C-alpha atoms as a PDB file:
ATOM      1  CA  UNK A   1      22.428 -24.100 -15.186  1.00  0.00           C
ATOM      2  CA  UNK A   2      24.359 -23.347 -18.379  1.00  0.00           C
ATOM      3  CA  UNK A   3      27.356 -21.560 -16.933  1.00  0.00           C
ATOM      4  CA  UNK A   4      30.794 -21.854 -18.490  1.00  0.00           C
ATOM      5  CA  UNK A   5      32.860 -24.188 -16.312  1.00  0.00           C
ATOM      6  CA  UNK A   6      36.010 -22.052 -16.584  1.00  0.00           C
ATOM      7  CA  UNK A   7      34.400 -19.055 -14.888  1.00  0.00           C
ATOM      8  CA  UNK A   8      35.327 -18.904 -11.162  1.00  0.00           C
ATOM      9  CA  UNK A   9      32.495 -19.481  -8.697  1.00  0.00           C
ATOM     10  CA  UNK A  10      33.127 -16.092  -7.054  1.00  0.00           C
ATOM     11  CA  UNK A  11      32.621 -14.366 -10.422  1.00  0.00           C
ATOM     12  CA  UNK A  12      29.375 -16.262 -11.011  1.00  0.00           C
ATOM     13  CA  UNK A  13      28.084 -15.452  -7.515  1.00  0.00           C
ATOM     14  CA  UNK A  14      28.935 -11.778  -8.000  1.00  0.00           C
ATOM     15  CA  UNK A  15      27.164 -11.804 -11.363  1.00  0.00           C
ATOM     16  CA  UNK A  16      23.978 -13.250  -9.857  1.00  0.00           C
ATOM     17  CA  UNK A  17      24.094 -10.594  -7.139  1.00  0.00           C
ATOM     18  CA  UNK A  18      24.491  -7.910  -9.800  1.00  0.00           C
ATOM     19  CA  UNK A  19      21.297  -9.044 -11.550  1.00  0.00           C
ATOM     20  CA  UNK A  20      19.343  -8.210  -8.386  1.00  0.00           C
ATOM     21  CA  UNK A  21      20.443  -4.537  -8.504  1.00  0.00           C
ATOM     22  CA  UNK A  22      21.393  -4.528  -4.787  1.00  0.00           C
ATOM     23  CA  UNK A  23      21.571  -0.717  -4.429  1.00  0.00           C
ATOM     24  CA  UNK A  24      18.057  -0.323  -5.795  1.00  0.00           C
ATOM     25  CA  UNK A  25      16.778  -3.181  -3.613  1.00  0.00           C
ATOM     26  CA  UNK A  26      18.409  -1.594  -0.558  1.00  0.00           C
ATOM     27  CA  UNK A  27      16.570   1.700  -1.189  1.00  0.00           C
ATOM     28  CA  UNK A  28      13.257  -0.119  -1.722  1.00  0.00           C
ATOM     29  CA  UNK A  29      13.681  -2.158   1.456  1.00  0.00           C
ATOM     30  CA  UNK A  30      14.588   0.994   3.387  1.00  0.00           C
ATOM     31  CA  UNK A  31      11.307   2.639   2.368  1.00  0.00           C
ATOM     32  CA  UNK A  32       9.459  -0.570   3.272  1.00  0.00           C
ATOM     33  CA  UNK A  33      11.049  -0.592   6.733  1.00  0.00           C
ATOM     34  CA  UNK A  34      10.020   3.038   7.195  1.00  0.00           C
ATOM     35  CA  UNK A  35       6.473   1.974   6.329  1.00  0.00           C
ATOM     36  CA  UNK A  36       6.654  -0.775   8.973  1.00  0.00           C
ATOM     37  CA  UNK A  37       7.972   1.562  11.647  1.00  0.00           C
ATOM     38  CA  UNK A  38       5.447   4.297  10.910  1.00  0.00           C
ATOM     39  CA  UNK A  39       2.626   1.749  11.122  1.00  0.00           C
ATOM     40  CA  UNK A  40       3.818   0.568  14.555  1.00  0.00           C
ATOM     41  CA  UNK A  41       2.526   2.628  17.502  1.00  0.00           C
ATOM     42  CA  UNK A  42       5.090   0.924  19.711  1.00  0.00           C
ATOM     43  CA  UNK A  43       7.961  -1.478  19.149  1.00  0.00           C
ATOM     44  CA  UNK A  44       8.014  -3.219  15.773  1.00  0.00           C
ATOM     45  CA  UNK A  45       7.688  -7.026  16.224  1.00  0.00           C
ATOM     46  CA  UNK A  46      11.047  -8.595  15.404  1.00  0.00           C
ATOM     47  CA  UNK A  47       9.568 -11.445  13.376  1.00  0.00           C
ATOM     48  CA  UNK A  48       7.592  -9.053  11.165  1.00  0.00           C
ATOM     49  CA  UNK A  49      10.665  -6.897  10.663  1.00  0.00           C
ATOM     50  CA  UNK A  50      12.847  -9.839   9.608  1.00  0.00           C
ATOM     51  CA  UNK A  51      10.419 -11.783   7.438  1.00  0.00           C
ATOM     52  CA  UNK A  52       8.734  -8.777   5.810  1.00  0.00           C
ATOM     53  CA  UNK A  53      12.099  -7.183   4.990  1.00  0.00           C
ATOM     54  CA  UNK A  54      13.391 -10.465   3.583  1.00  0.00           C
ATOM     55  CA  UNK A  55      10.255 -11.160   1.566  1.00  0.00           C
ATOM     56  CA  UNK A  56      10.116  -7.642   0.107  1.00  0.00           C
ATOM     57  CA  UNK A  57      13.844  -7.758  -0.703  1.00  0.00           C
ATOM     58  CA  UNK A  58      13.461 -11.087  -2.515  1.00  0.00           C
ATOM     59  CA  UNK A  59      10.457  -9.835  -4.513  1.00  0.00           C
ATOM     60  CA  UNK A  60      12.380  -6.708  -5.516  1.00  0.00           C
ATOM     61  CA  UNK A  61      15.436  -8.764  -6.455  1.00  0.00           C
ATOM     62  CA  UNK A  62      13.271 -11.105  -8.513  1.00  0.00           C
ATOM     63  CA  UNK A  63      11.850  -8.207 -10.529  1.00  0.00           C
ATOM     64  CA  UNK A  64      15.337  -6.784 -11.073  1.00  0.00           C
ATOM     65  CA  UNK A  65      16.685 -10.135 -12.322  1.00  0.00           C
ATOM     66  CA  UNK A  66      13.755 -10.560 -14.718  1.00  0.00           C
ATOM     67  CA  UNK A  67      14.529  -7.068 -15.978  1.00  0.00           C
ATOM     68  CA  UNK A  68      18.065  -8.255 -16.801  1.00  0.00           C
ATOM     69  CA  UNK A  69      16.665 -11.154 -18.831  1.00  0.00           C
ATOM     70  CA  UNK A  70      14.108  -9.098 -20.748  1.00  0.00           C
ATOM     71  CA  UNK A  71      16.503  -6.208 -21.427  1.00  0.00           C
ATOM     72  CA  UNK A  72      19.632  -8.217 -22.256  1.00  0.00           C
ATOM     73  CA  UNK A  73      19.736  -7.160 -25.935  1.00  0.00           C
ATOM     74  CA  UNK A  74      18.971  -3.541 -25.084  1.00  0.00           C
ATOM     75  CA  UNK A  75      21.613  -3.614 -22.346  1.00  0.00           C
ATOM     76  CA  UNK A  76      24.214  -4.796 -24.869  1.00  0.00           C
ATOM     77  CA  UNK A  77      23.721  -1.574 -26.884  1.00  0.00           C
ATOM     78  CA  UNK A  78      24.026   0.855 -23.972  1.00  0.00           C
ATOM     79  CA  UNK A  79      27.300   2.035 -22.477  1.00  0.00           C
ATOM     80  CA  UNK A  80      25.899   2.014 -18.927  1.00  0.00           C
ATOM     81  CA  UNK A  81      24.676  -1.584 -19.109  1.00  0.00           C
ATOM     82  CA  UNK A  82      26.781  -3.434 -21.687  1.00  0.00           C
ATOM     83  CA  UNK A  83      28.983  -4.818 -18.924  1.00  0.00           C
ATOM     84  CA  UNK A  84      26.098  -6.610 -17.195  1.00  0.00           C
ATOM     85  CA  UNK A  85      26.300 -10.411 -16.742  1.00  0.00           C
ATOM     86  CA  UNK A  86      24.008 -11.351 -19.644  1.00  0.00           C
ATOM     87  CA  UNK A  87      25.486  -9.140 -22.402  1.00  0.00           C
ATOM     88  CA  UNK A  88      28.996 -10.255 -21.406  1.00  0.00           C
ATOM     89  CA  UNK A  89      28.028 -13.935 -21.365  1.00  0.00           C
ATOM     90  CA  UNK A  90      28.957 -14.561 -17.733  1.00  0.00           C
ATOM     91  CA  UNK A  91      25.423 -15.835 -17.134  1.00  0.00           C
ATOM     92  CA  UNK A  92      22.773 -17.228 -19.479  1.00  0.00           C
ATOM     93  CA  UNK A  93      19.220 -15.987 -19.796  1.00  0.00           C
ATOM     94  CA  UNK A  94      17.884 -19.383 -18.744  1.00  0.00           C
ATOM     95  CA  UNK A  95      19.924 -19.497 -15.550  1.00  0.00           C
ATOM     96  CA  UNK A  96      18.993 -15.916 -14.556  1.00  0.00           C
ATOM     97  CA  UNK A  97      15.310 -16.550 -15.269  1.00  0.00           C
ATOM     98  CA  UNK A  98      15.342 -19.661 -13.058  1.00  0.00           C
ATOM     99  CA  UNK A  99      17.146 -17.651 -10.384  1.00  0.00           C
ATOM    100  CA  UNK A 100      14.618 -14.791 -10.638  1.00  0.00           C
ATOM    101  CA  UNK A 101      11.545 -17.040 -10.504  1.00  0.00           C
ATOM    102  CA  UNK A 102      13.028 -18.901  -7.522  1.00  0.00           C
ATOM    103  CA  UNK A 103      13.533 -15.632  -5.646  1.00  0.00           C
ATOM    104  CA  UNK A 104       9.979 -14.577  -6.476  1.00  0.00           C
ATOM    105  CA  UNK A 105       8.468 -17.874  -5.367  1.00  0.00           C
ATOM    106  CA  UNK A 106      10.459 -17.831  -2.118  1.00  0.00           C
ATOM    107  CA  UNK A 107       9.305 -14.269  -1.490  1.00  0.00           C
ATOM    108  CA  UNK A 108       5.651 -15.248  -1.886  1.00  0.00           C
ATOM    109  CA  UNK A 109       6.054 -18.195   0.497  1.00  0.00           C
ATOM    110  CA  UNK A 110       7.771 -16.075   3.160  1.00  0.00           C
ATOM    111  CA  UNK A 111       5.285 -13.212   2.942  1.00  0.00           C
ATOM    112  CA  UNK A 112       2.201 -15.460   2.787  1.00  0.00           C
ATOM    113  CA  UNK A 113       3.104 -17.740   5.693  1.00  0.00           C
ATOM    114  CA  UNK A 114       5.063 -15.458   8.027  1.00  0.00           C
ATOM    115  CA  UNK A 115       3.565 -12.007   7.357  1.00  0.00           C
ATOM    116  CA  UNK A 116       0.111 -11.929   5.717  1.00  0.00           C
ATOM    117  CA  UNK A 117      -1.564 -12.738   2.414  1.00  0.00           C
ATOM    118  CA  UNK A 118      -2.351  -9.103   1.579  1.00  0.00           C
ATOM    119  CA  UNK A 119       1.323  -8.159   1.666  1.00  0.00           C
ATOM    120  CA  UNK A 120       2.210 -11.168  -0.480  1.00  0.00           C
ATOM    121  CA  UNK A 121      -0.480 -10.273  -3.016  1.00  0.00           C
ATOM    122  CA  UNK A 122       0.614  -6.632  -3.221  1.00  0.00           C
ATOM    123  CA  UNK A 123       4.254  -7.699  -3.578  1.00  0.00           C
ATOM    124  CA  UNK A 124       3.263  -9.988  -6.461  1.00  0.00           C
ATOM    125  CA  UNK A 125       1.347  -7.157  -8.138  1.00  0.00           C
ATOM    126  CA  UNK A 126       4.367  -4.852  -7.770  1.00  0.00           C
ATOM    127  CA  UNK A 127       6.689  -7.529  -9.167  1.00  0.00           C
ATOM    128  CA  UNK A 128       4.471  -8.077 -12.208  1.00  0.00           C
ATOM    129  CA  UNK A 129       4.018  -4.323 -12.591  1.00  0.00           C
ATOM    130  CA  UNK A 130       7.771  -3.777 -12.831  1.00  0.00           C
ATOM    131  CA  UNK A 131       9.034  -6.915 -14.546  1.00  0.00           C
ATOM    132  CA  UNK A 132       6.179  -7.348 -17.021  1.00  0.00           C
ATOM    133  CA  UNK A 133       4.041  -4.222 -17.466  1.00  0.00           C
ATOM    134  CA  UNK A 134       6.878  -1.678 -17.189  1.00  0.00           C
ATOM    135  CA  UNK A 135       9.846  -3.592 -18.608  1.00  0.00           C
ATOM    136  CA  UNK A 136       8.096  -5.502 -21.387  1.00  0.00           C
ATOM    137  CA  UNK A 137       5.529  -2.934 -22.505  1.00  0.00           C
ATOM    138  CA  UNK A 138       5.686   0.606 -21.110  1.00  0.00           C
ATOM    139  CA  UNK A 139       9.442   1.002 -21.406  1.00  0.00           C
ATOM    140  CA  UNK A 140       9.323   0.068 -25.080  1.00  0.00           C
ATOM    141  CA  UNK A 141       6.156   1.816 -26.234  1.00  0.00           C
ATOM    142  CA  UNK A 142       5.543   5.155 -24.482  1.00  0.00           C
ATOM    143  CA  UNK A 143       7.548   8.156 -23.244  1.00  0.00           C
ATOM    144  CA  UNK A 144       5.251   8.123 -20.213  1.00  0.00           C
ATOM    145  CA  UNK A 145       6.814   4.785 -19.207  1.00  0.00           C
ATOM    146  CA  UNK A 146       8.433   5.959 -15.994  1.00  0.00           C
ATOM    147  CA  UNK A 147       5.333   7.906 -14.890  1.00  0.00           C
ATOM    148  CA  UNK A 148       3.048   4.890 -15.240  1.00  0.00           C
ATOM    149  CA  UNK A 149       5.659   2.301 -14.287  1.00  0.00           C
ATOM    150  CA  UNK A 150       6.652   4.258 -11.184  1.00  0.00           C
ATOM    151  CA  UNK A 151       3.698   2.757  -9.340  1.00  0.00           C
ATOM    152  CA  UNK A 152       5.609  -0.507  -8.882  1.00  0.00           C
ATOM    153  CA  UNK A 153       8.582   1.264  -7.316  1.00  0.00           C
ATOM    154  CA  UNK A 154       6.275   3.198  -5.003  1.00  0.00           C
ATOM    155  CA  UNK A 155       4.820   0.050  -3.452  1.00  0.00           C
ATOM    156  CA  UNK A 156       7.462  -0.900  -0.807  1.00  0.00           C
ATOM    157  CA  UNK A 157       6.299   1.505   1.953  1.00  0.00           C
ATOM    158  CA  UNK A 158       2.753   0.229   1.412  1.00  0.00           C
ATOM    159  CA  UNK A 159       4.062  -3.332   1.744  1.00  0.00           C
ATOM    160  CA  UNK A 160       5.807  -2.358   4.949  1.00  0.00           C
ATOM    161  CA  UNK A 161       2.612  -0.798   6.249  1.00  0.00           C
ATOM    162  CA  UNK A 162       0.421  -3.799   5.423  1.00  0.00           C
ATOM    163  CA  UNK A 163       3.017  -6.128   6.952  1.00  0.00           C
ATOM    164  CA  UNK A 164       2.240  -4.586  10.331  1.00  0.00           C
ATOM    165  CA  UNK A 165      -1.419  -3.630  10.039  1.00  0.00           C
ATOM    166  CA  UNK A 166      -2.800  -6.109   7.507  1.00  0.00           C
ATOM    167  CA  UNK A 167      -4.653  -3.302   5.737  1.00  0.00           C
ATOM    168  CA  UNK A 168      -4.184  -0.301   3.447  1.00  0.00           C
ATOM    169  CA  UNK A 169      -5.188   3.121   4.735  1.00  0.00           C
ATOM    170  CA  UNK A 170      -4.738   6.752   3.720  1.00  0.00           C
ATOM    171  CA  UNK A 171      -1.372   7.086   5.470  1.00  0.00           C
ATOM    172  CA  UNK A 172       0.077   4.167   3.518  1.00  0.00           C
ATOM    173  CA  UNK A 173      -1.253   5.694   0.298  1.00  0.00           C
ATOM    174  CA  UNK A 174       0.434   9.003   1.147  1.00  0.00           C
ATOM    175  CA  UNK A 175       3.790   7.230   1.331  1.00  0.00           C
ATOM    176  CA  UNK A 176       2.999   5.637  -2.030  1.00  0.00           C
ATOM    177  CA  UNK A 177       2.082   9.025  -3.531  1.00  0.00           C
ATOM    178  CA  UNK A 178       5.324  10.673  -2.406  1.00  0.00           C
ATOM    179  CA  UNK A 179       7.489   8.038  -4.120  1.00  0.00           C
ATOM    180  CA  UNK A 180       5.195   7.945  -7.152  1.00  0.00           C
ATOM    181  CA  UNK A 181       5.675  11.703  -7.726  1.00  0.00           C
ATOM    182  CA  UNK A 182       9.398  11.504  -6.856  1.00  0.00           C
ATOM    183  CA  UNK A 183      10.164   8.809  -9.427  1.00  0.00           C
ATOM    184  CA  UNK A 184       9.822  10.785 -12.703  1.00  0.00           C
ATOM    185  CA  UNK A 185      12.164  13.693 -11.830  1.00  0.00           C
ATOM    186  CA  UNK A 186      14.591  11.201 -10.294  1.00  0.00           C
ATOM    187  CA  UNK A 187      14.727   8.971 -13.361  1.00  0.00           C
ATOM    188  CA  UNK A 188      14.433  11.690 -16.019  1.00  0.00           C
ATOM    189  CA  UNK A 189      17.590  13.346 -14.701  1.00  0.00           C
ATOM    190  CA  UNK A 190      19.462  10.104 -15.412  1.00  0.00           C
ATOM    191  CA  UNK A 191      17.663   9.711 -18.743  1.00  0.00           C
ATOM    192  CA  UNK A 192      18.943  13.126 -19.850  1.00  0.00           C
ATOM    193  CA  UNK A 193      22.501  11.981 -19.219  1.00  0.00           C
ATOM    194  CA  UNK A 194      21.882   8.687 -21.022  1.00  0.00           C
ATOM    195  CA  UNK A 195      19.798  10.086 -23.874  1.00  0.00           C
ATOM    196  CA  UNK A 196      22.123   8.842 -26.629  1.00  0.00           C
ATOM    197  CA  UNK A 197      22.159   5.330 -25.159  1.00  0.00           C
ATOM    198  CA  UNK A 198      18.362   5.202 -25.034  1.00  0.00           C
ATOM    199  CA  UNK A 199      18.111   6.548 -28.586  1.00  0.00           C
ATOM    200  CA  UNK A 200      20.575   3.926 -29.827  1.00  0.00           C
ATOM    201  CA  UNK A 201      18.545   1.183 -28.148  1.00  0.00           C
ATOM    202  CA  UNK A 202      15.305   2.517 -29.635  1.00  0.00           C
ATOM    203  CA  UNK A 203      13.650   3.248 -26.287  1.00  0.00           C
ATOM    204  CA  UNK A 204      11.120   6.120 -26.239  1.00  0.00           C
ATOM    205  CA  UNK A 205      12.396   7.824 -23.116  1.00  0.00           C
ATOM    206  CA  UNK A 206      11.174  11.394 -22.684  1.00  0.00           C
ATOM    207  CA  UNK A 207      14.498  13.109 -23.602  1.00  0.00           C
ATOM    208  CA  UNK A 208      14.561  11.055 -26.814  1.00  0.00           C
ATOM    209  CA  UNK A 209      10.966  11.673 -27.899  1.00  0.00           C
ATOM    210  CA  UNK A 210      10.448  15.233 -26.631  1.00  0.00           C
ATOM    211  CA  UNK A 211      13.961  16.600 -26.227  1.00  0.00           C
ATOM    212  CA  UNK A 212      16.165  17.529 -23.292  1.00  0.00           C
ATOM    213  CA  UNK A 213      14.706  20.993 -22.714  1.00  0.00           C
ATOM    214  CA  UNK A 214      11.151  19.659 -22.466  1.00  0.00           C
ATOM    215  CA  UNK A 215      12.330  16.957 -20.056  1.00  0.00           C
ATOM    216  CA  UNK A 216      14.076  19.547 -17.887  1.00  0.00           C
ATOM    217  CA  UNK A 217      10.865  21.541 -17.694  1.00  0.00           C
ATOM    218  CA  UNK A 218       8.937  18.431 -16.650  1.00  0.00           C
ATOM    219  CA  UNK A 219      11.505  17.721 -13.935  1.00  0.00           C
ATOM    220  CA  UNK A 220      11.120  21.256 -12.596  1.00  0.00           C
ATOM    221  CA  UNK A 221       7.315  21.037 -12.606  1.00  0.00           C
ATOM    222  CA  UNK A 222       7.395  17.672 -10.850  1.00  0.00           C
ATOM    223  CA  UNK A 223       9.637  19.018  -8.082  1.00  0.00           C
ATOM    224  CA  UNK A 224       7.029  21.692  -7.305  1.00  0.00           C
ATOM    225  CA  UNK A 225       4.363  18.986  -7.288  1.00  0.00           C
ATOM    226  CA  UNK A 226       6.533  16.851  -5.032  1.00  0.00           C
ATOM    227  CA  UNK A 227       6.967  19.692  -2.537  1.00  0.00           C
ATOM    228  CA  UNK A 228       3.193  20.070  -2.330  1.00  0.00           C
ATOM    229  CA  UNK A 229       2.593  16.325  -1.953  1.00  0.00           C
ATOM    230  CA  UNK A 230       5.332  15.962   0.665  1.00  0.00           C
ATOM    231  CA  UNK A 231       3.472  18.381   2.940  1.00  0.00           C
ATOM    232  CA  UNK A 232       0.355  16.166   3.028  1.00  0.00           C
ATOM    233  CA  UNK A 233       1.587  14.016   5.947  1.00  0.00           C
ATOM    234  CA  UNK A 234       1.689  17.165   8.092  1.00  0.00           C
ATOM    235  CA  UNK A 235      -1.661  18.444   6.803  1.00  0.00           C
ATOM    236  CA  UNK A 236      -3.325  15.117   7.637  1.00  0.00           C
ATOM    237  CA  UNK A 237      -1.607  15.067  11.073  1.00  0.00           C
ATOM    238  CA  UNK A 238       0.319  11.940  10.161  1.00  0.00           C
ATOM    239  CA  UNK A 239       3.491  13.877  11.043  1.00  0.00           C
ATOM    240  CA  UNK A 240       4.432  17.020  12.925  1.00  0.00           C
ATOM    241  CA  UNK A 241       6.674  20.057  12.691  1.00  0.00           C
ATOM    242  CA  UNK A 242       9.960  18.123  12.601  1.00  0.00           C
ATOM    243  CA  UNK A 243       8.878  16.373   9.414  1.00  0.00           C
ATOM    244  CA  UNK A 244       7.365  19.549   7.944  1.00  0.00           C
ATOM    245  CA  UNK A 245      10.598  21.504   8.345  1.00  0.00           C
ATOM    246  CA  UNK A 246      12.550  18.695   6.752  1.00  0.00           C
ATOM    247  CA  UNK A 247      10.098  18.239   3.875  1.00  0.00           C
ATOM    248  CA  UNK A 248      10.076  21.954   3.034  1.00  0.00           C
ATOM    249  CA  UNK A 249      13.876  22.268   3.233  1.00  0.00           C
ATOM    250  CA  UNK A 250      14.484  19.166   1.120  1.00  0.00           C
ATOM    251  CA  UNK A 251      11.770  20.160  -1.352  1.00  0.00           C
ATOM    252  CA  UNK A 252      13.245  23.613  -1.861  1.00  0.00           C
ATOM    253  CA  UNK A 253      16.620  21.943  -2.375  1.00  0.00           C
ATOM    254  CA  UNK A 254      15.159  19.681  -5.054  1.00  0.00           C
ATOM    255  CA  UNK A 255      13.538  22.652  -6.791  1.00  0.00           C
ATOM    256  CA  UNK A 256      16.894  24.466  -6.686  1.00  0.00           C
ATOM    257  CA  UNK A 257      18.656  21.535  -8.357  1.00  0.00           C
ATOM    258  CA  UNK A 258      15.875  21.166 -10.928  1.00  0.00           C
ATOM    259  CA  UNK A 259      16.053  24.889 -11.717  1.00  0.00           C
ATOM    260  CA  UNK A 260      19.846  24.711 -12.094  1.00  0.00           C
ATOM    261  CA  UNK A 261      19.387  21.758 -14.423  1.00  0.00           C
ATOM    262  CA  UNK A 262      16.777  23.701 -16.414  1.00  0.00           C
ATOM    263  CA  UNK A 263      19.086  26.705 -16.809  1.00  0.00           C
ATOM    264  CA  UNK A 264      22.278  24.708 -17.489  1.00  0.00           C
ATOM    265  CA  UNK A 265      23.145  23.787 -21.054  1.00  0.00           C
ATOM    266  CA  UNK A 266      22.820  20.167 -22.126  1.00  0.00           C
ATOM    267  CA  UNK A 267      23.286  17.406 -19.553  1.00  0.00           C
ATOM    268  CA  UNK A 268      26.014  19.025 -17.463  1.00  0.00           C
ATOM    269  CA  UNK A 269      23.905  19.240 -14.287  1.00  0.00           C
ATOM    270  CA  UNK A 270      21.879  16.064 -14.810  1.00  0.00           C
ATOM    271  CA  UNK A 271      23.851  13.710 -12.573  1.00  0.00           C
ATOM    272  CA  UNK A 272      24.019  16.232  -9.723  1.00  0.00           C
ATOM    273  CA  UNK A 273      20.225  16.437  -9.848  1.00  0.00           C
ATOM    274  CA  UNK A 274      19.995  12.659  -9.986  1.00  0.00           C
ATOM    275  CA  UNK A 275      22.300  12.288  -6.978  1.00  0.00           C
ATOM    276  CA  UNK A 276      20.314  14.856  -4.991  1.00  0.00           C
ATOM    277  CA  UNK A 277      17.068  13.028  -5.754  1.00  0.00           C
ATOM    278  CA  UNK A 278      18.416   9.905  -4.037  1.00  0.00           C
ATOM    279  CA  UNK A 279      19.607  11.921  -1.046  1.00  0.00           C
ATOM    280  CA  UNK A 280      16.222  13.676  -0.956  1.00  0.00           C
ATOM    281  CA  UNK A 281      14.202  10.475  -0.639  1.00  0.00           C
ATOM    282  CA  UNK A 282      16.450   8.963   2.007  1.00  0.00           C
ATOM    283  CA  UNK A 283      16.430  12.098   4.159  1.00  0.00           C
ATOM    284  CA  UNK A 284      12.693  12.698   3.698  1.00  0.00           C
ATOM    285  CA  UNK A 285      11.895   9.246   5.045  1.00  0.00           C
ATOM    286  CA  UNK A 286      14.450   9.754   7.822  1.00  0.00           C
ATOM    287  CA  UNK A 287      12.541  12.898   8.841  1.00  0.00           C
ATOM    288  CA  UNK A 288       9.312  10.893   8.796  1.00  0.00           C
ATOM    289  CA  UNK A 289      10.840   8.371  11.190  1.00  0.00           C
ATOM    290  CA  UNK A 290      12.402  10.971  13.479  1.00  0.00           C
ATOM    291  CA  UNK A 291       9.139  12.872  13.747  1.00  0.00           C
ATOM    292  CA  UNK A 292       7.206   9.655  14.380  1.00  0.00           C
ATOM    293  CA  UNK A 293       9.389   8.528  17.282  1.00  0.00           C
ATOM    294  CA  UNK A 294       9.636  11.977  18.848  1.00  0.00           C
ATOM    295  CA  UNK A 295       5.820  12.052  18.892  1.00  0.00           C
ATOM    296  CA  UNK A 296       5.659   8.504  20.305  1.00  0.00           C
ATOM    297  CA  UNK A 297       8.093   9.382  23.110  1.00  0.00           C
ATOM    298  CA  UNK A 298       6.272  12.638  23.826  1.00  0.00           C
ATOM    299  CA  UNK A 299       2.887  10.937  24.117  1.00  0.00           C
ATOM    300  CA  UNK A 300       4.330   8.174  26.302  1.00  0.00           C
ATOM    301  CA  UNK A 301       5.612  10.773  28.753  1.00  0.00           C
ATOM    302  CA  UNK A 302       2.318  12.656  28.977  1.00  0.00           C
END
């Protein structure tokens, strides 16, 4: 690979790790693990847990690294991303692309041979959806990019579910729907803060094409929609009162932050809303798990 010989190995290794967006991958794998656990009526098989988590992590990392390659010139124009390995020249596009494709291929092998073919196929679709359809087309051509492209990011809990069951059912699709509706208000809050960067790079993000006030209104509307969708697991008896109380409390909190953002001038409250959105998703899935295992223990004792 075409890496400058004077760059220390530790710097190169750190740069490759950065291209995988480890924090994003960690959140995706967490939601996948929740999907696995919710699909397991009893103890989750250790081999499924290990290989499915690894395969999903590698597929997610592959998509993230391809994103670095495709967006390298855009990244160089944005303050948030100009320090990434490709714009700074620490890594070359060729080396990162080889790295990304290797991760993707390894993911497909692991998922196909140690989990099941359905999970491998869905992981491949999600990878292509993010790295190709979203990054190469939607991101560059439509302000609805994050709405349509959010489907790829909503796939991990479905992958976790199919890893255990080998099939897709309504409960797996509910997990998908929650993340799908969560993604736009989550990302638009960040986009408000980074509006000038996106405008400079020529990307048609919603705050750039329709303005900050319109984007704030969309965030607020989506948080109401998210509250309604988050109640579905209780309505369908997938979860019980523990989850319902958590979903309502967290949803009201998200609406509160979105309303504060809507009423606050400019982008002053954008990052607080963005930070809450991450906390929201983590806690919502934690409530799903807690409710699931309380119900499992209760039924085992009766």
